[in-house]
Amino acid sequence: MPAFALAQLDAIPPVPCPCGQSRRAFATPDNPVATIHLVDAKVDTQTHYHKKLTEIYLILEGEGHIELDGERHPVRPLTSILIKPGCRHRLIGQIRFVNIPVPAFDPHDEWFD
């Protein structure tokens, strides 16, 4: 088995997520380390949190706000955000971003109040 993997994010079919639509690379059972997602956020995303995942967002396109534990912060291209487990978060605005969940994304670790 090779010691690397390649993915073309824009070629991966999108799936629904609390933020809108996500294209998820490296989300395989043999990879527990991390995944990378290309996310197209809808205008008003759903507040959620994770109990195990840390997420790193990198804003690529669009401007708006991110709400972190109830506080709004402006975002624009090249804003990066570290979201630790337990932090309630959502994006506000039509935004395209990269999300790197660590450890690898687990769909059972999405929680809503």
Foldseek 3Di string as FASTA:
>chain_A
DDPDDDDDQVVADWDQDQFGTKRKPPQDPVAQFKIKIWDFGDQWGAWKFFQQKKKKKAWQAWWFWKAWQRDTDIDGHGDIDIGDGPITMYTHGGTIIMMMIGRYDDPVGIGHD
